[in-house]
Amino acid sequence: MGGEYMEKKRGVVKIFFKDKGYGFINSGEKDFYFDVKNIVGANLPNNGASVEFNETEGKKGPAAANVVILQNIKADSDDSRVICEHCKKKMVPRIVLHQGEPQHSVCPFCGGVYKKFPWPLSKKVALVAFIVVFLFLASRFIALISR
C-alpha cells in the first residue's frame, strides 16, 4: 500500500517541528504523519494551518502526501522583547549589577531605566539589624550621659 493514494482530504496541521522537518495533520478522524518531502511548494506550514493532502499508508500508519497549504496562520512568536517607554524601541533589557546584586534593568538603545529591582531580603535584614543595634547603643549612651 505504501505510495498509493487513497483519497484527497482536508485537515489542520496539529504540530509541525520545523527543526526536525516532520509533523502531523488532523483530519477530524485521525492523525496523518508528513514530512518536508511531502509538502508541495517552498513554504512550511505553521501549527494550525489548513491543508489539503492525499491520504496514504506509511511505514507506521496513516500518512499524508502532496500536502498543499490552503491557509497558513501566523506563527507563534517567541519574541520576548519589550517596548522601552523612553525611546519606544523593542528591546531586551540589560540587568545592571552592583556588588553582585541586581539593581535595575536598562534599555540597550537609550540607557533609560526599564525596571528597578527591590532590595534583596538579606539587605533588608541587615538594615533592620543595624537600626536595632544603633537604637540599642544610642539608648545606652543616653542612659550613660543622663546619670
Protein backbone atom coordinates (compact mmCIF):
# COMPACT_ATOMS: atom_id res chain seq x y z
CA MET A 1 0.00 0.00 0.00
CA GLY A 2 2.95 2.37 0.54
CA GLY A 3 2.91 5.14 -2.05
CA GLU A 4 -0.68 4.51 -3.24
CA TYR A 5 -3.04 7.43 -2.73
CA MET A 6 -6.35 6.54 -1.13
CA GLU A 7 -8.24 9.83 -1.34
CA LYS A 8 -7.86 13.61 -1.12
CA LYS A 9 -8.56 15.02 2.35
CA ARG A 10 -8.50 18.32 4.19
CA GLY A 11 -7.17 18.86 7.66
CA VAL A 12 -5.34 21.10 10.09
CA VAL A 13 -1.66 20.88 10.98
CA LYS A 14 -1.71 19.61 14.55
CA ILE A 15 2.01 20.11 15.05
CA PHE A 16 4.97 20.66 12.74
CA PHE A 17 8.56 20.53 14.01
CA LYS A 18 10.44 22.85 11.65
CA ASP A 19 13.79 21.90 13.16
CA LYS A 20 13.12 18.18 12.58
CA GLY A 21 11.15 18.50 9.33
CA TYR A 22 8.06 16.46 10.16
CA GLY A 23 4.63 16.83 11.72
CA PHE A 24 1.08 15.60 11.97
CA ILE A 25 -2.16 16.66 10.30
CA ASN A 26 -5.52 16.07 11.96
CA SER A 27 -8.38 15.39 9.53
CA GLY A 28 -11.04 15.28 12.22
CA GLU A 29 -10.98 11.47 12.10
CA LYS A 30 -7.33 10.63 12.65
CA ASP A 31 -3.81 11.98 12.53
CA PHE A 32 -1.56 11.69 9.47
CA TYR A 33 2.23 11.81 9.53
CA PHE A 34 4.03 14.00 6.97
CA ASP A 35 7.50 15.42 6.41
CA VAL A 36 9.00 18.22 4.31
CA LYS A 37 9.35 15.93 1.28
CA ASN A 38 5.55 15.63 1.22
CA ILE A 39 4.90 19.41 1.09
CA VAL A 40 4.06 20.97 -2.27
CA GLY A 41 5.78 24.35 -2.66
CA ALA A 42 8.53 26.13 -0.78
CA ASN A 43 6.60 27.30 2.29
CA LEU A 44 6.40 25.34 5.50
CA PRO A 45 3.13 25.09 7.43
CA ASN A 46 2.67 26.61 10.87
CA ASN A 47 0.72 24.86 13.60
CA GLY A 48 -2.98 25.33 12.87
CA ALA A 49 -2.58 25.79 9.10
CA SER A 50 -5.37 24.44 6.85
CA VAL A 51 -4.05 21.89 4.35
CA GLU A 52 -5.19 19.52 1.65
CA PHE A 53 -3.42 16.20 1.13
CA ASN A 54 -3.62 12.74 -0.30
CA GLU A 55 -4.20 10.01 2.25
CA THR A 56 -1.69 7.19 2.02
CA GLU A 57 -0.36 4.44 4.24
CA GLY A 58 3.12 4.96 5.65
CA LYS A 59 5.51 2.53 7.34
CA LYS A 60 3.96 3.15 10.76
CA GLY A 61 0.39 4.10 9.88
CA PRO A 62 -1.63 6.82 8.15
CA ALA A 63 0.47 9.32 6.24
CA ALA A 64 -0.09 12.42 4.11
CA ALA A 65 1.35 13.02 0.65
CA ASN A 66 1.18 16.04 -1.66
CA VAL A 67 0.42 18.39 1.24
CA VAL A 68 -0.83 21.75 -0.08
CA ILE A 69 -1.12 24.66 2.33
CA LEU A 70 -4.56 26.25 1.85
CA GLN A 71 -4.33 28.84 4.60
CA ASN A 72 -1.26 29.37 6.74
CA ILE A 73 -1.73 31.14 10.04
CA LYS A 74 0.80 33.43 11.65
CA ALA A 75 3.46 31.50 13.54
CA ASP A 76 3.58 31.69 17.31
CA SER A 77 6.04 34.36 18.25
CA ASP A 78 8.89 33.69 20.62
CA ASP A 79 9.55 37.41 20.76
CA SER A 80 10.18 38.15 24.42
CA ARG A 81 11.25 41.73 23.76
CA VAL A 82 9.51 44.63 25.48
CA ILE A 83 8.92 48.22 24.45
CA CYS A 84 11.15 50.86 26.06
CA GLU A 85 8.95 53.63 27.46
CA HIS A 86 11.72 56.17 26.78
CA CYS A 87 12.74 55.52 23.14
CA LYS A 88 9.78 53.28 22.14
CA LYS A 89 12.06 50.61 20.60
CA LYS A 90 11.61 46.85 21.06
CA MET A 91 14.41 45.61 23.27
CA VAL A 92 15.68 43.03 25.71
CA PRO A 93 16.50 44.88 28.95
CA ARG A 94 20.06 44.61 30.29
CA ILE A 95 20.44 43.98 34.02
CA VAL A 96 22.76 46.26 35.95
CA LEU A 97 24.52 44.67 38.94
CA HIS A 98 26.17 46.39 41.91
CA GLN A 99 28.39 44.19 44.09
CA GLY A 100 26.77 41.13 42.56
CA GLU A 101 23.20 42.23 43.31
CA PRO A 102 20.75 43.23 40.53
CA GLN A 103 19.87 46.90 40.90
CA HIS A 104 17.82 47.73 37.79
CA SER A 105 17.48 46.96 34.09
CA VAL A 106 18.12 49.40 31.26
CA CYS A 107 17.33 49.82 27.58
CA PRO A 108 20.41 48.95 25.47
CA PHE A 109 19.49 51.68 22.96
CA CYS A 110 18.85 54.77 25.08
CA GLY A 111 20.04 53.69 28.54
CA GLY A 112 16.70 54.53 30.14
CA VAL A 113 15.81 52.59 33.28
CA TYR A 114 13.24 49.93 32.45
CA LYS A 115 12.70 48.41 35.91
CA LYS A 116 14.13 48.97 39.40
CA PHE A 117 14.55 45.85 41.50
CA PRO A 118 13.61 45.78 45.19
CA TRP A 119 16.25 45.28 47.82
CA PRO A 120 17.03 41.62 48.45
CA LEU A 121 15.84 40.18 51.77
CA SER A 122 19.41 39.82 53.06
CA LYS A 123 19.99 43.57 52.73
CA LYS A 124 16.66 44.37 54.38
CA VAL A 125 17.53 42.10 57.32
CA ALA A 126 20.97 43.68 57.58
CA LEU A 127 19.44 47.19 57.60
CA VAL A 128 16.90 46.26 60.30
CA ALA A 129 19.68 44.67 62.40
CA PHE A 130 21.80 47.81 62.01
CA ILE A 131 18.91 50.04 63.10
CA VAL A 132 18.16 47.84 66.14
CA VAL A 133 21.82 47.83 67.23
CA PHE A 134 22.09 51.59 66.64
CA LEU A 135 18.97 52.32 68.72
CA PHE A 136 20.17 50.00 71.49
CA LEU A 137 23.60 51.68 71.62
CA ALA A 138 22.01 55.15 71.41
CA SER A 139 19.71 54.35 74.35
CA ARG A 140 22.67 53.01 76.37
CA PHE A 141 24.68 56.13 75.53
CA ILE A 142 21.81 58.42 76.56
CA ALA A 143 21.36 56.44 79.81
CA LEU A 144 25.11 56.76 80.48
CA ILE A 145 25.11 60.54 79.91
CA SER A 146 21.98 61.20 81.95
CA ARG A 147 23.47 59.64 85.16
